[in-house]
Amino acid sequence: MGIIGAIMALIGPSASVQAPVGLGTATSFAVLAGQTVTNTGPSIISGDLGVSPGSAVTGFPPGLVINGVQHRADPVSLQAKKD
């Protein structure tokens, strides 16, 4: 019995493996909101932060966005929301 067979034996025949969800351009976003993003402390967000159709982002700083940028009601955040 291979590894897959052993795993299926442990979890049972009713378990299914779901295909990953394609996120399109939203893949790079750590936070993606519709109206407002509010941070209340020393958070570190690794990836893009976006809001659309709203544009309010508060609490940065003290929060930090690393390995990404903020997108506020721009074409990038709009497309990510659609995706």
C-alpha atoms as a PDB file:
ATOM      1  CA  MET A   1       0.000   0.000   0.000  1.00  0.00           C
ATOM      2  CA  GLY A   2       1.447   3.363  -0.988  1.00  0.00           C
ATOM      3  CA  ILE A   3       1.325   6.570   1.014  1.00  0.00           C
ATOM      4  CA  ILE A   4      -1.910   7.712  -0.651  1.00  0.00           C
ATOM      5  CA  GLY A   5      -3.542   4.370   0.104  1.00  0.00           C
ATOM      6  CA  ALA A   6      -2.410   4.551   3.723  1.00  0.00           C
ATOM      7  CA  ILE A   7      -3.797   8.073   4.090  1.00  0.00           C
ATOM      8  CA  MET A   8      -7.123   7.057   2.539  1.00  0.00           C
ATOM      9  CA  ALA A   9      -7.278   4.065   4.895  1.00  0.00           C
ATOM     10  CA  LEU A  10      -6.814   6.413   7.854  1.00  0.00           C
ATOM     11  CA  ILE A  11      -9.317   9.069   6.818  1.00  0.00           C
ATOM     12  CA  GLY A  12     -11.878   6.746   5.258  1.00  0.00           C
ATOM     13  CA  PRO A  13     -13.569   6.525   1.899  1.00  0.00           C
ATOM     14  CA  SER A  14     -15.980   9.414   2.507  1.00  0.00           C
ATOM     15  CA  ALA A  15     -13.215  12.007   2.645  1.00  0.00           C
ATOM     16  CA  SER A  16     -12.515  13.888  -0.531  1.00  0.00           C
ATOM     17  CA  VAL A  17      -9.686  16.073  -1.653  1.00  0.00           C
ATOM     18  CA  GLN A  18     -10.809  19.406  -3.023  1.00  0.00           C
ATOM     19  CA  ALA A  19      -9.005  21.191  -5.803  1.00  0.00           C
ATOM     20  CA  PRO A  20      -7.362  24.478  -4.844  1.00  0.00           C
ATOM     21  CA  VAL A  21      -9.386  27.618  -5.455  1.00  0.00           C
ATOM     22  CA  GLY A  22      -7.940  29.885  -8.139  1.00  0.00           C
ATOM     23  CA  LEU A  23      -7.575  33.367  -6.661  1.00  0.00           C
ATOM     24  CA  GLY A  24      -6.396  35.130  -9.801  1.00  0.00           C
ATOM     25  CA  THR A  25      -4.904  38.525  -9.014  1.00  0.00           C
ATOM     26  CA  ALA A  26      -6.047  38.263  -5.368  1.00  0.00           C
ATOM     27  CA  THR A  27      -3.221  35.773  -4.708  1.00  0.00           C
ATOM     28  CA  SER A  28      -0.781  38.484  -3.624  1.00  0.00           C
ATOM     29  CA  PHE A  29      -3.180  39.996  -1.059  1.00  0.00           C
ATOM     30  CA  ALA A  30      -2.858  39.267   2.650  1.00  0.00           C
ATOM     31  CA  VAL A  31      -5.809  41.586   3.398  1.00  0.00           C
ATOM     32  CA  LEU A  32      -8.561  42.456   0.916  1.00  0.00           C
ATOM     33  CA  ALA A  33     -11.671  44.325   2.050  1.00  0.00           C
ATOM     34  CA  GLY A  34     -14.696  46.025   0.540  1.00  0.00           C
ATOM     35  CA  GLN A  35     -15.016  49.272   2.482  1.00  0.00           C
ATOM     36  CA  THR A  36     -12.472  49.739   5.279  1.00  0.00           C
ATOM     37  CA  VAL A  37      -9.348  48.135   6.700  1.00  0.00           C
ATOM     38  CA  THR A  38      -8.742  49.017  10.355  1.00  0.00           C
ATOM     39  CA  ASN A  39      -5.657  48.031  12.317  1.00  0.00           C
ATOM     40  CA  THR A  40      -5.499  48.569  16.081  1.00  0.00           C
ATOM     41  CA  GLY A  41      -1.961  47.562  17.010  1.00  0.00           C
ATOM     42  CA  PRO A  42       1.550  46.675  15.920  1.00  0.00           C
ATOM     43  CA  SER A  43       0.443  44.262  13.174  1.00  0.00           C
ATOM     44  CA  ILE A  44       2.734  43.179  10.369  1.00  0.00           C
ATOM     45  CA  ILE A  45       0.982  42.323   7.111  1.00  0.00           C
ATOM     46  CA  SER A  46       3.134  40.347   4.666  1.00  0.00           C
ATOM     47  CA  GLY A  47       1.654  40.831   1.202  1.00  0.00           C
ATOM     48  CA  ASP A  48      -0.582  43.366  -0.447  1.00  0.00           C
ATOM     49  CA  LEU A  49      -3.314  45.190   1.461  1.00  0.00           C
ATOM     50  CA  GLY A  50      -6.290  46.312  -0.570  1.00  0.00           C
ATOM     51  CA  VAL A  51      -9.698  47.880  -0.254  1.00  0.00           C
ATOM     52  CA  SER A  52     -12.275  48.411  -3.003  1.00  0.00           C
ATOM     53  CA  PRO A  53     -14.721  49.987  -3.726  1.00  0.00           C
ATOM     54  CA  GLY A  54     -14.062  51.780  -0.420  1.00  0.00           C
ATOM     55  CA  SER A  55     -10.756  53.499   0.221  1.00  0.00           C
ATOM     56  CA  ALA A  56     -10.405  53.818   4.006  1.00  0.00           C
ATOM     57  CA  VAL A  57      -7.282  52.309   5.586  1.00  0.00           C
ATOM     58  CA  THR A  58      -6.498  53.245   9.186  1.00  0.00           C
ATOM     59  CA  GLY A  59      -3.884  52.145  11.684  1.00  0.00           C
ATOM     60  CA  PHE A  60      -0.872  52.011   9.357  1.00  0.00           C
ATOM     61  CA  PRO A  61       1.343  52.946  11.203  1.00  0.00           C
ATOM     62  CA  PRO A  62       1.638  51.456  13.804  1.00  0.00           C
ATOM     63  CA  GLY A  63       0.831  48.500  11.537  1.00  0.00           C
ATOM     64  CA  LEU A  64       3.294  47.689   8.772  1.00  0.00           C
ATOM     65  CA  VAL A  65       2.830  46.279   5.276  1.00  0.00           C
ATOM     66  CA  ILE A  66       5.896  44.319   4.162  1.00  0.00           C
ATOM     67  CA  ASN A  67       6.430  42.375   0.941  1.00  0.00           C
ATOM     68  CA  GLY A  68       3.530  44.243  -0.623  1.00  0.00           C
ATOM     69  CA  VAL A  69       1.849  47.586  -1.135  1.00  0.00           C
ATOM     70  CA  GLN A  70      -1.402  49.268  -0.186  1.00  0.00           C
ATOM     71  CA  HIS A  71      -4.072  49.502  -2.888  1.00  0.00           C
ATOM     72  CA  ARG A  72      -6.971  51.855  -2.150  1.00  0.00           C
ATOM     73  CA  ALA A  73      -9.848  51.825  -4.634  1.00  0.00           C
ATOM     74  CA  ASP A  74      -7.443  51.471  -7.543  1.00  0.00           C
ATOM     75  CA  PRO A  75      -7.647  49.158 -10.587  1.00  0.00           C
ATOM     76  CA  VAL A  76      -5.459  46.536  -8.842  1.00  0.00           C
ATOM     77  CA  SER A  77      -7.719  46.214  -5.782  1.00  0.00           C
ATOM     78  CA  LEU A  78     -10.853  46.318  -7.961  1.00  0.00           C
ATOM     79  CA  GLN A  79      -9.605  43.413 -10.106  1.00  0.00           C
ATOM     80  CA  ALA A  80      -8.546  41.437  -7.038  1.00  0.00           C
ATOM     81  CA  LYS A  81     -12.039  41.843  -5.562  1.00  0.00           C
ATOM     82  CA  LYS A  82     -13.567  40.633  -8.848  1.00  0.00           C
ATOM     83  CA  ASP A  83     -11.237  37.619  -8.937  1.00  0.00           C
END
